[in-house]
Amino acid sequence: MQEKEFLKMFQMPVIEVPTNLPNIRCDLPIQAFATARGKWDYARAEVESMYQLGRPVLVGTTSVENSEYLSDLLKEQNIPHNVLNARPKVTFLLCLIALFLLQYAAREAEIVAQAGRKYAITISTNMAGRGTDIILGGNPKMLAKEIVEDNLLPFMSQETPSGKTDMEQLSEQSFSKVRIGPSSLALVAKAAVISKHLCKSKGRDWSYKAAQSIISESIQMGQSLGIAELEKQLAEDPTIYPLNTMIGLAYLTVLKDCEAHCFNEGLEVKMLGGLHVIGTSLHESRRIDNQLRGRAGRQGDPGSTRFMVSASFFLENYSSLCLYTKFNVLNSLQDEMFQKFNFDTEWAVKLISKITNNEDIPIEGQTIVKQLLALQINAEKYFFGIRKSLVEFDEVLEVQRKHVYNLRQVILSGDSESCTDQIFQYMQAVVDEIVLGNSDPEKHPRNWNLGMLLDEFLQIGRSVLAESFAKVGEEDLLTSLEQIQRLHVVDVGSFSLPNLPLPPNTFRGIRKKISSLKRWLRICTDETTKKGRYQVTINLLRKYLGEFLIASYLEVVQDSGYDDSYIQEIEVTYMPL
């Protein structure tokens, strides 16, 4: 579906990029449950069994309520875990919530980075922290940074951070401890002493955020310079120990210990089977399901995945979700895709009830899998239709958008000739719009809206036409148009309406150019105009008013002080020989 969509909507062919290493991940069959309670109890039991083995588990949910419900089930069994994208316990002013959420997002990335460690249980809503890689055994860089911060922040700041939850602390305690070598501990201790001395020398501590920023900058400096360069800087003056240099050196030495620890722990996790991913519901697209599955089996690592769905929800009051009404709980625990597309789950309930009366026993089979995949395909087609409609509507605007940007580019980056030509074309186009909007080729000029025509023409000209055309009234214009009807021959090269002002003198040299005739031909061949008896009169009026406006503009340019060569350049640009 994705390939067809790209080709049909964007005319972009899609090729499949092979994996860097063979995929040895085991994708277990989809399990169906008659009730939502049976599904969640089974998911809790599977997480508990994996935790007892020491395998890391990543549980993907589709809503915050589902994550919190599963978290409550795990708390009842005293299983340490981390919940991502759950509602943060906010107790301060609303104006600080945005800042808190930014810090919470950074904390989520750290949790996901360590989701591959032994005994790690992570519950994630909609794949939180998607940009962070899950490495079996843990991410040594983030682990080393966390160790350095835990040892230095108490000496640099007395502020209390927006601390970790009790469950997060319990989860970290279940991890195996990193063995830090004596040399690394000595460097960390030196950095702590230096930071404490600096705090005393300036008479106050850093804020917690400022202390974190100093540590982050020091780590980045250490990564860019390396151990040898940092040791060289410290050896230049043994009596002075810069804080940033010492923190960077301490981080790099701790990083070596963390890399060895994570490598060994990663081997243990691989022996246990790698990361186990549990999907508690099918998403609206197979692509999203594959993204969740792809968390396991990274770069040829072992791993396994399991998806679970419930055909209906069990009518029971869940005490663990006392903050919600029964109605909201029941709707939140039902599979969202079934709700959105009104999928008939009665057949599945009857099928499962015939096989077993135990709601905790899952059912696996090709019949159920085919029905679920058919539902996903229908959902993909539905959203594809929405995206297709948006693209089609946007294509209409895209034509206008490209035209506007092309004109903008001509004005900003084009030469003087192209800019001048564009300006004169728009002058004529505006005049044409005014004349055609207030005249009718099938009616006599006395029935035209001549007053509105003159007002709009003077409005676009303003001071340019204030003196030369301001005294022209409706009767003058009507008399002139009636005289045109009695003319048998018209010289369009030097045409002007009878008894009306002539264009300024600066236009006389331009009027002899052949482009004046070309403009007249464009006016006459304009297929968008309405046909009628007085069409020629309208075309002559368009030509006269257009040339009058352009000539008046050129007269203002000449009076502004530009030399004759520039005026001649404008004339050549607008009406080339």
Foldseek 3Di string as FASTA:
>chain_A
DVQVLCCVQVVDGDDDDDDPDDFQEAEDFAWEFAALVLLLVLVLVVLVVQLVLQAQEEEEEADLLVQLVSVLVNVVVVQQAEEAPHDDPDDDDPVCVVVVVVVSLVVQLQLQQASQFGSYYYYYHLCRNLVHAHAHLGDLLSVLLVVLCVLALVLQDPDDPPDDDPSNVVSVVPGDDQDADPVLVVLSVVLNVVNNVVCVVVVHHDHSVVVSVLLVVLLVVLVVQDLVRLVVVCVVDVVDDDNSSSSNNSSVSSSVSSVVSSVVRSVVNLVSFTYEYEYAADDLAVVSVVSSVVSTRPPNGGYYYYYYAYLAHDQDDDPSPVVDDSVVSRVSSHHVLCVVVVDNSPVVSVVVVVVDPDSNDIDGDPVVVVVVVVSSVVSVVVVSVVVSVVSVVVVVVVVVVVVVVVLVCCCPPNDPLSNLQVVLVVLLVQLLVLLLVFDDQADQLVPTPQQSSLVSLCVVLPPLCCPQAVPDDPVNVNVQLVVVVVDPDADQLLDAGPPGGQADPLCPVLSNFCVLVVVLVCLVPPPVGDDHNCSVSSSSSSSRSSSNSVSSVLVVVVVVDDDPVVSVVSSCSNGND
